[in-house]
Amino acid sequence: MRIPPSADAALVKALAKKMRLLVIFLIFMHFVMVVYLLLIVSTMFMALSADLASTNLFMPKISLPLLVVVLFMYVVALALAILMYRRRSRQIIPVVSARNVPPSLWNDALIASMNLVQIGCQSYQTYWMFDGLMNLASILSYGVLVILYCFLSPATLFLQDRRVKTTVANAQDAVFCVVLTGGHPILSILSAFLKFILIDPSMANDNAWATEGLLTARMLVPTSAFDLMAKLVMYLTTAVSLRKATVDLCDATNASVLLLYRRRHLHLNAILCYTWGIAVAIAMCRAVGFRQPCPSHCITHAYPMFDLSCRCTYANINCARLDIDDPSPLLDPGKIGTNLFYLQTSCCPLRDGLPKEMLEPFLQLSQISLFFTEMQSWNGPLPSTVNNVEIRHSHLQTIPRAFVQEIPNNLVAIQLEACPLRYIPDAVFETWGNVLRVAFINVSLTQVPKLPFQLDKPPRSEPSHEPTHGDPMDSSAAGRFCRFKWQSYPFHDSNHRPTTH
């Protein structure tokens, strides 16, 4: 059955008048992607080397240029979309009859294939968000959008009016791809940032919030070769969807009103998408509703889809509050899992530091903070994933062996504060080849170490009631630290140990 050309022309003109707002909305979608990519790229370029290393960015010399190319591609796409819209608003729209337009089997197959690729990449992103993030509202909303896309994308292809089907399918793909690729992450970042700025500035001292922020940053940047490929595919398919939708709405020469028969491959595509959407929904409900509770010292935890045990990401153990001396039993992988990212202990003796056997099970341990300890030594070695270690109020008189021998390549930040540290061998700095940030605060150095490298900035020496002795540091020698800071005060030991921290 065919519709007369006159009716075809009238329908095209009627649709053209109603598409103006949709075209403007698609231009806004282009703008969202540009802002998102600009935010990611500019942040990575302006970040200090130590901060960039903490995000675990995969091969920065490759990932950064690729992201810049993708950003440039979206800027060009935004400019072309604006030009097409302006041209469309001035020209007379031509009309093509549907009589000589064949059924577009290849177009349906192309749309279905792109949908499957997009759903696969978005499902991969959902899996890792549940595996690594703690913000339940954020990961649930993302998962719900992916499930909704699984059900809507194949249903659109069953529309028999080709013009309506093409318009709806392209616009739907563009909107979902932009929301899942750039819109949702931007909203997550802005909500946390606005909460910090407008509601609770003290969140800057909240290690749970800092852990969530760092894990979110790792989720936004490529952290492996496969992750880089998946993100590039998401960016490219989103760009293609936006381009197709914009061209379709701004170019009426492809308009036709051909009634199509439902094809077998569309049914197969629908079965695959619906089955996958149901499977993702079941996995999400299982991960959230049937999870084993975590112990009280586990402040934040993730929600892996295929592991219902506790998967702690930030543990805060206060030995004085819990009336214990050894935190080892509380770090049993059988109780808190192996996904620990941030470990903080307070008021624990730890005279010999944290034993190797205690830390080995945690495969993504990144930051260690030890407060108010009686630590006199720490043999180590540190896990290979650790990049930040902070020790405050200890009895260390020398640099512990954990910071000198078998140093992880990922270790980029070391801070020692409030300890009777009197001397740092010059050879220690030679072993810190990858360390980018060092801070010695409120220590009792009797001699400032001689650095065999040049500081990017002169070292910050805070005012002291009793300044250290020795020659001033020569900042003209050769080097690599992006920050070297010390404050040196006579260290006064105290038997007082706070009960909370």
Foldseek 3Di string as FASTA:
>chain_A
DFDDQVVLVVVLVVVLVVCLVVLVVLLVLLVLVLVQLCVLLVCLVPDDPLLNLLLLFDPCVPQNVVSVVLSVVSVVLSVVSVVLSVVLVPDDADEDEQPPPDDCPVVLVVLLVLLVLLLVLLVVLLQVCLAQAFPVVLSVVSLVLSLVSLQPQLVLSPDFFPLSSQLCNLSVQLVSLSCNLGVSLVVVVVVLVCCCVPPNVVCVVPVVSVLNVSSSSSSNHQNDPVSSVSSVSSSVSSSVSSNSNSCSSSHNHPHYGGGDDDDPVSVVSSVVSNVVSVVSVVLSCCQPPVADDADPQQPTFGRRSPDRYAAGAEGEAECLQVVHQDCQVVLPCNRHNQQHAEYEYFQHACQQNDDAVSNVSRPQHAEYEYYQYQHAAYQDQDDLNYAYYHYENYAHQEDHNNQAPPDHLSHAEYEYYQYAHADYDQCSLVRPPRHAYYEAEAYAHQEDHAHQAAEPDQEDEDDEPDDHDYDDYDRVHHDHHPYYYYYYYRHDHDPDGDSHD
